[in-house]
Protein backbone atom coordinates (compact mmCIF):
# COMPACT_ATOMS: atom_id res chain seq x y z
CA MET A 1 11.48 -3.34 9.16
CA LYS A 2 10.58 -2.06 12.48
CA ARG A 3 7.69 0.92 12.55
CA LYS A 4 5.78 2.29 15.33
CA ARG A 5 2.36 1.47 13.19
CA VAL A 6 0.92 -0.29 10.76
CA ASN A 7 -1.80 0.69 8.74
CA ILE A 8 -4.11 -1.63 6.38
CA ARG A 9 -6.11 -1.84 3.66
CA MET A 10 -8.66 -4.13 3.33
CA PRO A 11 -10.96 -3.92 -0.77
CA GLY A 12 -12.57 -6.37 -1.22
CA LEU A 13 -16.30 -7.45 -2.47
CA GLY A 14 -19.22 -7.75 -0.24
CA GLY A 15 -20.54 -10.84 1.71
CA GLN A 16 -16.66 -11.54 1.97
CA GLY A 17 -15.66 -10.46 5.83
CA ALA A 18 -13.33 -7.97 5.13
CA VAL A 19 -15.65 -6.10 7.59
CA THR A 20 -15.38 -8.53 10.07
CA ALA A 21 -11.43 -9.58 9.75
CA ALA A 22 -11.00 -5.76 10.26
CA HIS A 23 -12.40 -6.16 13.68
CA ILE A 24 -10.55 -9.43 14.41
CA ILE A 25 -7.23 -7.78 13.73
CA ALA A 26 -7.74 -5.47 15.59
CA THR A 27 -8.97 -7.01 18.71
CA ALA A 28 -6.12 -9.83 18.36
CA ALA A 29 -3.61 -7.10 18.31
CA ASP A 30 -5.45 -4.90 21.30
CA TYR A 31 -5.51 -8.62 23.37
CA GLU A 32 -1.27 -9.12 21.86
CA GLY A 33 -0.83 -5.61 23.79
CA TYR A 34 -1.05 -2.90 20.80
CA TYR A 35 -2.85 -0.11 20.16
CA ALA A 36 -5.55 -0.91 17.40
CA VAL A 37 -8.57 0.60 16.12
CA SER A 38 -10.66 -0.64 12.88
CA ASN A 39 -13.48 0.83 10.44
CA PRO A 40 -15.23 -0.28 7.46
CA PHE A 41 -16.22 2.14 4.27
CA PHE A 42 -19.12 0.75 2.13
CA GLY A 43 -20.80 1.90 -1.15
CA ALA A 44 -23.55 0.32 -2.29
CA GLU A 45 -24.53 -2.49 0.74
CA LYS A 46 -24.68 -5.19 -1.23
CA ARG A 47 -23.52 -8.26 -2.01
CA MET A 48 -20.51 -8.45 -4.76
CA ALA A 49 -20.26 -4.73 -4.66
CA PRO A 50 -17.26 -2.74 -3.49
CA ALA A 51 -16.18 -2.60 -0.06
CA GLU A 52 -13.22 -1.74 1.84
CA SER A 53 -12.33 -1.77 5.77
CA TYR A 54 -9.03 -0.36 8.00
CA ALA A 55 -7.26 -1.71 10.56
CA ARG A 56 -4.32 0.04 11.97
CA ILE A 57 -1.84 -1.21 15.03
CA GLY A 58 0.82 0.40 16.46
CA ILE A 59 2.74 0.58 19.95
CA GLU A 60 0.94 4.28 20.28
CA PRO A 61 -2.41 5.84 20.99
CA ILE A 62 -3.94 5.54 17.85
CA PHE A 63 -6.48 8.60 17.25
CA ASP A 64 -7.13 8.16 13.24
CA ARG A 65 -10.55 6.74 11.95
CA GLY A 66 -10.91 7.87 8.49
CA GLU A 67 -9.93 5.53 5.21
CA VAL A 68 -6.61 4.24 5.09
CA VAL A 69 -4.76 6.66 1.93
CA TYR A 70 -0.90 5.14 2.34
CA PRO A 71 -0.99 1.38 3.32
CA ASP A 72 1.95 -0.24 4.54
CA VAL A 73 -0.46 -3.73 4.16
CA ILE A 74 -2.86 -4.08 1.66
CA MET A 75 -5.18 -7.14 2.11
CA VAL A 76 -7.28 -8.07 -1.46
CA PHE A 77 -10.08 -10.27 -0.54
CA HIS A 78 -11.22 -10.74 -3.81
CA HIS A 79 -9.48 -10.95 -7.52
CA HIS A 80 -12.07 -8.49 -9.53
CA VAL A 81 -10.57 -5.70 -7.13
CA ILE A 82 -7.36 -6.27 -9.59
CA THR A 83 -9.44 -7.45 -12.47
CA MET A 84 -12.30 -5.52 -12.99
CA GLY A 85 -10.92 -2.58 -10.77
CA LYS A 86 -13.78 -3.32 -8.06
CA SER A 87 -12.18 -0.99 -5.54
CA TYR A 88 -12.25 2.95 -3.90
CA THR A 89 -8.80 3.08 -4.76
CA MET A 90 -7.29 2.40 -8.21
CA PRO A 91 -4.77 1.47 -8.81
CA PHE A 92 -5.43 -0.89 -5.75
CA TYR A 93 -1.91 -0.40 -4.62
CA SER A 94 -2.02 3.35 -4.50
CA GLY A 95 -0.46 4.56 -1.82
CA ILE A 96 1.83 1.73 -0.53
CA LYS A 97 4.56 2.91 1.52
CA ALA A 98 8.05 1.33 0.63
CA ASN A 99 9.08 -1.93 2.35
CA GLY A 100 5.07 -2.81 2.56
CA LEU A 101 2.75 -5.89 1.94
CA ILE A 102 0.37 -7.01 -0.57
CA ILE A 103 -1.87 -10.06 0.64
CA ILE A 104 -3.65 -11.22 -3.06
CA ASN A 105 -6.46 -13.74 -2.37
CA SER A 106 -5.93 -16.00 -6.01
CA GLU A 107 -4.89 -19.04 -7.15
CA GLU A 108 -2.97 -17.25 -9.67
CA ASP A 109 -0.07 -14.16 -10.91
CA LEU A 110 -3.04 -11.57 -11.21
CA LEU A 111 -0.28 -8.23 -11.66
CA SER A 112 1.18 -6.90 -15.44
CA ASP A 113 4.59 -6.15 -15.65
CA THR A 114 3.96 -2.32 -14.93
CA ASP A 115 2.48 -3.37 -11.90
CA LYS A 116 5.49 -5.17 -10.37
CA LYS A 117 7.87 -2.71 -11.85
CA PHE A 118 6.67 -0.02 -9.50
CA LEU A 119 5.77 -2.15 -6.83
CA GLU A 120 9.47 -3.91 -6.77
CA SER A 121 10.64 -0.20 -6.99
CA LEU A 122 9.49 0.11 -3.52
CA ASN A 123 10.70 -2.86 -1.74
CA VAL A 124 6.95 -4.41 -1.84
CA ARG A 125 6.45 -7.77 -1.35
CA ILE A 126 3.38 -9.55 -2.40
CA TYR A 127 2.42 -13.10 -1.40
CA THR A 128 -0.71 -15.02 -3.87
CA PHE A 129 -2.06 -16.47 -1.66
CA PRO A 130 -5.56 -18.34 -2.63
CA ALA A 131 -7.43 -18.33 0.83
CA THR A 132 -11.30 -19.11 -0.76
CA LYS A 133 -9.73 -22.37 -1.55
CA PHE A 134 -7.43 -22.73 1.51
CA ALA A 135 -10.80 -22.47 3.27
CA ILE A 136 -13.08 -24.31 1.64
CA GLU A 137 -10.34 -27.30 2.10
CA HIS A 138 -10.29 -25.99 5.96
CA ALA A 139 -13.26 -25.44 6.88
CA GLY A 140 -15.65 -26.83 4.33
CA THR A 141 -16.65 -23.01 2.85
CA GLU A 142 -15.72 -20.46 0.96
CA LEU A 143 -17.02 -17.73 4.71
CA ALA A 144 -14.01 -18.80 6.58
CA THR A 145 -11.86 -16.57 3.38
CA ASN A 146 -11.34 -13.81 6.26
CA MET A 147 -10.18 -16.03 8.85
CA ALA A 148 -7.81 -17.28 5.98
CA MET A 149 -6.92 -13.79 5.39
CA VAL A 150 -6.47 -12.83 8.93
CA GLY A 151 -4.01 -15.86 9.60
CA ALA A 152 -1.66 -14.68 6.28
CA LEU A 153 -1.77 -11.31 7.75
CA PHE A 154 -0.36 -12.32 11.00
CA GLY A 155 1.80 -14.68 9.74
CA CYS A 156 3.01 -12.70 7.63
CA ILE A 157 4.33 -9.68 9.72
CA GLY A 158 5.01 -11.53 12.84
CA CYS A 159 4.06 -9.03 15.84
CA VAL A 160 0.64 -11.14 16.69
CA GLY A 161 0.52 -14.50 17.59
CA LEU A 162 -1.69 -17.36 17.36
CA GLU A 163 -3.21 -17.09 21.06
CA ALA A 164 -4.10 -13.39 20.72
CA ILE A 165 -5.38 -14.23 16.65
CA GLU A 166 -7.93 -17.02 18.87
CA GLU A 167 -9.11 -14.45 21.31
CA GLY A 168 -9.99 -12.61 18.56
CA ILE A 169 -12.17 -14.91 16.44
CA LYS A 170 -13.77 -15.59 19.71
CA ALA A 171 -14.45 -12.46 21.10
CA ARG A 172 -16.50 -11.72 17.50
CA PHE A 173 -18.26 -14.94 17.50
CA LEU A 174 -18.59 -16.52 20.62
CA LYS A 175 -21.33 -14.72 22.53
CA LYS A 176 -22.53 -15.76 26.02
CA PHE A 177 -25.75 -18.02 25.95
CA VAL A 178 -28.06 -17.65 29.37
CA ALA A 179 -30.05 -20.68 30.45
CA SER A 180 -33.48 -19.84 30.08
CA GLY A 181 -34.76 -21.61 33.63
CA GLY A 182 -37.32 -22.36 31.92
CA THR A 183 -38.93 -25.88 30.14
CA ALA A 184 -36.54 -28.35 29.33
CA SER A 185 -37.62 -28.04 25.27
CA LEU A 186 -35.82 -24.40 25.30
CA ASP A 187 -32.76 -25.08 27.31
CA SER A 188 -32.14 -28.16 24.74
CA ALA A 189 -32.66 -25.31 21.69
CA LEU A 190 -29.58 -22.99 23.23
CA GLU A 191 -27.73 -25.69 24.22
CA ARG A 192 -27.72 -27.49 20.35
CA LYS A 193 -27.10 -23.60 19.60
CA PHE A 194 -24.10 -22.65 21.65
CA LYS A 195 -22.48 -26.36 20.08
CA LYS A 196 -23.14 -25.16 16.36
CA LYS A 197 -21.13 -22.07 17.31
CA LEU A 198 -18.41 -23.56 19.16
CA GLU A 199 -18.15 -25.98 15.81
CA LEU A 200 -18.05 -22.86 13.44
CA ILE A 201 -15.45 -21.04 15.68
CA GLU A 202 -13.47 -24.18 15.55
CA LYS A 203 -13.42 -24.21 11.97
CA ASN A 204 -12.26 -20.68 11.70
CA LEU A 205 -9.89 -21.31 14.14
CA ASN A 206 -7.93 -23.80 12.20
CA THR A 207 -8.53 -22.18 8.85
CA ALA A 208 -6.62 -19.03 10.58
CA ARG A 209 -3.91 -20.91 12.15
CA ALA A 210 -3.03 -23.21 8.66
CA ALA A 211 -2.97 -20.20 7.00
CA TYR A 212 -0.67 -18.16 9.77
CA GLU A 213 1.50 -20.80 9.39
CA LEU A 214 1.87 -21.03 6.32
CA ALA A 215 2.30 -17.56 5.31
CA ALA A 216 4.51 -17.56 8.11
CA GLU A 217 7.11 -20.12 6.12
CA TRP A 218 6.56 -18.05 3.31
CA ALA A 219 7.78 -14.76 5.27
CA LYS A 220 10.59 -16.37 6.78
CA SER A 221 12.28 -17.87 3.34
CA GLN A 222 11.54 -14.02 2.23
CA GLY A 223 13.55 -12.69 5.52
CA LEU A 224 10.84 -10.35 6.64
CA GLU A 225 11.18 -9.35 10.36
CA SER A 226 7.93 -8.24 12.10
CA PHE A 227 6.69 -5.26 11.35
CA LEU A 228 6.31 -3.93 15.15
CA PRO A 229 8.36 -3.80 18.02
CA PRO A 230 7.42 -6.10 20.88
CA PRO A 231 4.26 -4.33 22.75
CA PRO A 232 4.38 -1.64 25.11
CA ARG A 233 2.91 -2.43 28.29
CA LYS A 234 -0.52 -0.83 28.91
CA VAL A 235 -1.09 -0.20 32.94
CA GLU A 236 -4.00 -1.54 33.97
CA VAL A 237 -6.41 0.56 36.01
CA ALA A 238 -7.11 -1.13 38.89
C-alpha cells in the first residue's frame, strides 16, 4: 500500500541505540531523495530505562516534530517493551494504522492471542527478527542491534536502498580526522583511531546489509509492496 508518509515509532531501552537508529533512518531516507525527520524522547536517562525515538519519511515536506501517536511502523528494540510493559505507550502497538508493520527484536513469539487477533483485524504484518543475536553473529557485538533493526526496516518497507543505508551509517559515524602537522606519534595515533573507526563502520554496514536482505525476502514472501512511491526530485540550489 503506497502512502505519502511513513511514521515510525521505536520503543526500546536506554543504551540500545534507538535514537541513533532514528537518525540513520532519516539520513538514509534523505539521501534516497525523500523528506525525513527524526527525534528522540527520553524519560529517565539511564541504561535499560524506557526510551523512544521517532522517524518520519515522506514525499512532501514534514513539519511534525513530536512523538508518533499513530505509527505506520513500530520497531520494538527489546522484548521487555512487550513482556514487562517498558514502554511509554501501552499496549505497545497502540495507535498502529491499518496495513501497518511491527518489527520485533526477539527469538520467539511474544504476542498473546488477543494481540494477534487485534492486529490481524487491521491487517498489520508482524516480523519477528532476532536482531541482537543477528548483530552478535555479524558484527561480534550486541551494540550493532540497532544496525540490524535499520536494515530490517528498509528491507521490509522497501523505498530506501542499500546505498542510501550505507551513506546514512557513514554520515552518523564517520568523522573527518585532520592531520595534526605535529609529531609522528600523534599522527600515528590519529591514524590508528581512524582505522578502528573504519573497521567499526564496516561491521555495522555488514550487519545492516545482511538484515536488509533477510527482511526483503520475508517481505517478498508476504507480498508486501514498497510503503512509499518513488522519491520526489528535490531542486538543488546553486
